[in-house]
Amino acid sequence: MLEGRFVLERVSDVRKVALESSLLALVLGPDGGAAMRRDDTAKDGWAALWNGDDAHDPETTGMLSAVVAPLAAGELPVWTAASYDGDLVLVPAARLAEAVGVLRRAGHQVTV
């Protein structure tokens, strides 16, 4: 788990994105993008899970799906972003305890 709560923002112009310490991830696609920012005051914030403590080879398959599949089976929404060293999986903060339970039952170690 990462400390804090995060929000998701639609990005239409990357030049207007403030590159500051609250920015967790910036993902750009052909039609725009999304920014994940820390905002501990957000009413509908997201909690961030990080599996990058032990970086894995980018050629390794199944790392992200091993986390996302049990959450999907538990009908928990997720937002994801990947870096070279690991993956971010955001779940609604209001459902964090439920997400942790689902992941632990699936055999994952979750440090809160």
Protein backbone atom coordinates (compact mmCIF):
# COMPACT_ATOMS: atom_id res chain seq x y z
CA MET A 1 0.00 0.00 0.00
CA LEU A 2 1.09 3.54 -0.64
CA GLU A 3 0.25 6.17 1.94
CA GLY A 4 -2.56 8.59 1.25
CA ARG A 5 -5.54 8.82 -1.05
CA PHE A 6 -5.47 9.52 -4.75
CA VAL A 7 -7.72 11.08 -7.38
CA LEU A 8 -7.93 10.57 -11.12
CA GLU A 9 -8.03 13.51 -13.49
CA ARG A 10 -8.64 13.58 -17.23
CA VAL A 11 -5.73 15.11 -19.15
CA SER A 12 -6.37 16.74 -22.50
CA ASP A 13 -3.27 18.94 -22.65
CA VAL A 14 -0.09 17.53 -21.11
CA ARG A 15 1.44 21.03 -21.04
CA LYS A 16 -1.08 21.97 -18.33
CA VAL A 17 -0.17 19.10 -16.00
CA ALA A 18 1.70 20.32 -12.93
CA LEU A 19 4.70 18.07 -12.35
CA GLU A 20 4.77 18.17 -8.58
CA SER A 21 5.17 15.75 -5.69
CA SER A 22 1.43 14.95 -5.59
CA LEU A 23 1.60 13.43 -9.09
CA LEU A 24 1.71 9.64 -8.82
CA ALA A 25 1.32 8.73 -12.50
CA LEU A 26 0.67 10.37 -15.84
CA VAL A 27 -0.61 8.15 -18.63
CA LEU A 28 -1.08 9.48 -22.15
CA GLY A 29 -2.99 7.84 -24.94
CA PRO A 30 -3.94 8.85 -28.47
CA ASP A 31 -7.12 10.61 -27.27
CA GLY A 32 -5.80 12.22 -24.09
CA GLY A 33 -4.77 10.77 -20.82
CA ALA A 34 -5.12 10.55 -17.07
CA ALA A 35 -3.23 11.85 -14.08
CA MET A 36 -3.20 10.11 -10.70
CA ARG A 37 -2.58 12.61 -7.91
CA ARG A 38 -2.36 12.35 -4.16
CA ASP A 39 -5.20 14.18 -2.45
CA ASP A 40 -5.83 13.03 1.11
CA THR A 41 -8.92 15.25 1.32
CA ALA A 42 -10.70 13.67 -1.67
CA LYS A 43 -14.22 12.54 -0.83
CA ASP A 44 -14.17 9.76 -3.43
CA GLY A 45 -10.45 8.98 -3.27
CA TRP A 46 -8.66 5.83 -4.33
CA ALA A 47 -6.13 3.74 -2.39
CA ALA A 48 -2.96 2.66 -4.20
CA LEU A 49 -1.46 -0.82 -4.16
CA TRP A 50 2.13 -1.13 -5.43
CA ASN A 51 3.83 -4.38 -6.42
CA GLY A 52 7.19 -2.83 -7.20
CA ASP A 53 9.09 -3.61 -4.00
CA ASP A 54 10.85 -6.36 -5.92
CA ALA A 55 11.14 -5.17 -9.51
CA HIS A 56 10.34 -7.81 -12.10
CA ASP A 57 11.57 -8.21 -15.64
CA PRO A 58 9.22 -6.48 -18.11
CA GLU A 59 9.11 -9.80 -20.03
CA THR A 60 7.55 -11.57 -17.02
CA THR A 61 3.94 -12.38 -17.77
CA GLY A 62 0.94 -12.44 -15.49
CA MET A 63 2.13 -10.08 -12.76
CA LEU A 64 -0.61 -7.48 -13.13
CA SER A 65 -3.35 -9.96 -13.99
CA ALA A 66 -2.58 -11.94 -10.82
CA VAL A 67 -3.64 -8.87 -8.83
CA VAL A 68 -6.41 -7.52 -11.05
CA ALA A 69 -8.19 -10.83 -11.77
CA PRO A 70 -9.23 -11.53 -8.14
CA LEU A 71 -10.36 -7.92 -7.75
CA ALA A 72 -12.45 -8.19 -10.92
CA ALA A 73 -13.95 -11.47 -9.69
CA GLY A 74 -14.86 -9.63 -6.48
CA GLU A 75 -16.50 -6.90 -8.57
CA LEU A 76 -14.06 -4.24 -7.39
CA PRO A 77 -13.25 -1.44 -9.85
CA VAL A 78 -9.58 -0.69 -10.47
CA TRP A 79 -7.38 1.85 -12.24
CA THR A 80 -3.90 0.72 -13.19
CA ALA A 81 -0.62 2.22 -14.34
CA ALA A 82 2.69 0.51 -14.88
CA SER A 83 6.24 1.68 -14.52
CA TYR A 84 9.48 -0.08 -15.32
CA ASP A 85 9.80 -1.33 -11.75
CA GLY A 86 6.23 -2.28 -10.90
CA ASP A 87 2.52 -1.75 -11.22
CA LEU A 88 0.09 0.58 -9.49
CA VAL A 89 -3.40 -0.72 -8.84
CA LEU A 90 -5.88 1.77 -7.45
CA VAL A 91 -9.08 0.65 -5.74
CA PRO A 92 -11.82 2.83 -4.25
CA ALA A 93 -10.64 3.85 -0.77
CA ALA A 94 -14.10 3.14 0.61
CA ARG A 95 -13.66 -0.52 -0.45
CA LEU A 96 -10.03 -0.94 0.60
CA ALA A 97 -10.70 -3.47 3.38
CA GLU A 98 -12.75 -5.55 0.94
CA ALA A 99 -9.97 -5.39 -1.69
CA VAL A 100 -7.32 -6.42 0.84
CA GLY A 101 -9.46 -9.39 1.90
CA VAL A 102 -9.96 -10.49 -1.70
CA LEU A 103 -6.23 -10.27 -2.43
CA ARG A 104 -5.23 -12.14 0.73
CA ARG A 105 -7.71 -14.94 -0.04
CA ALA A 106 -6.11 -15.14 -3.50
CA GLY A 107 -2.73 -15.74 -1.82
CA HIS A 108 -1.24 -12.25 -1.98
CA GLN A 109 0.66 -10.60 0.84
CA VAL A 110 -0.73 -7.11 1.42
CA THR A 111 1.01 -4.73 3.80
CA VAL A 112 -1.30 -1.98 4.98
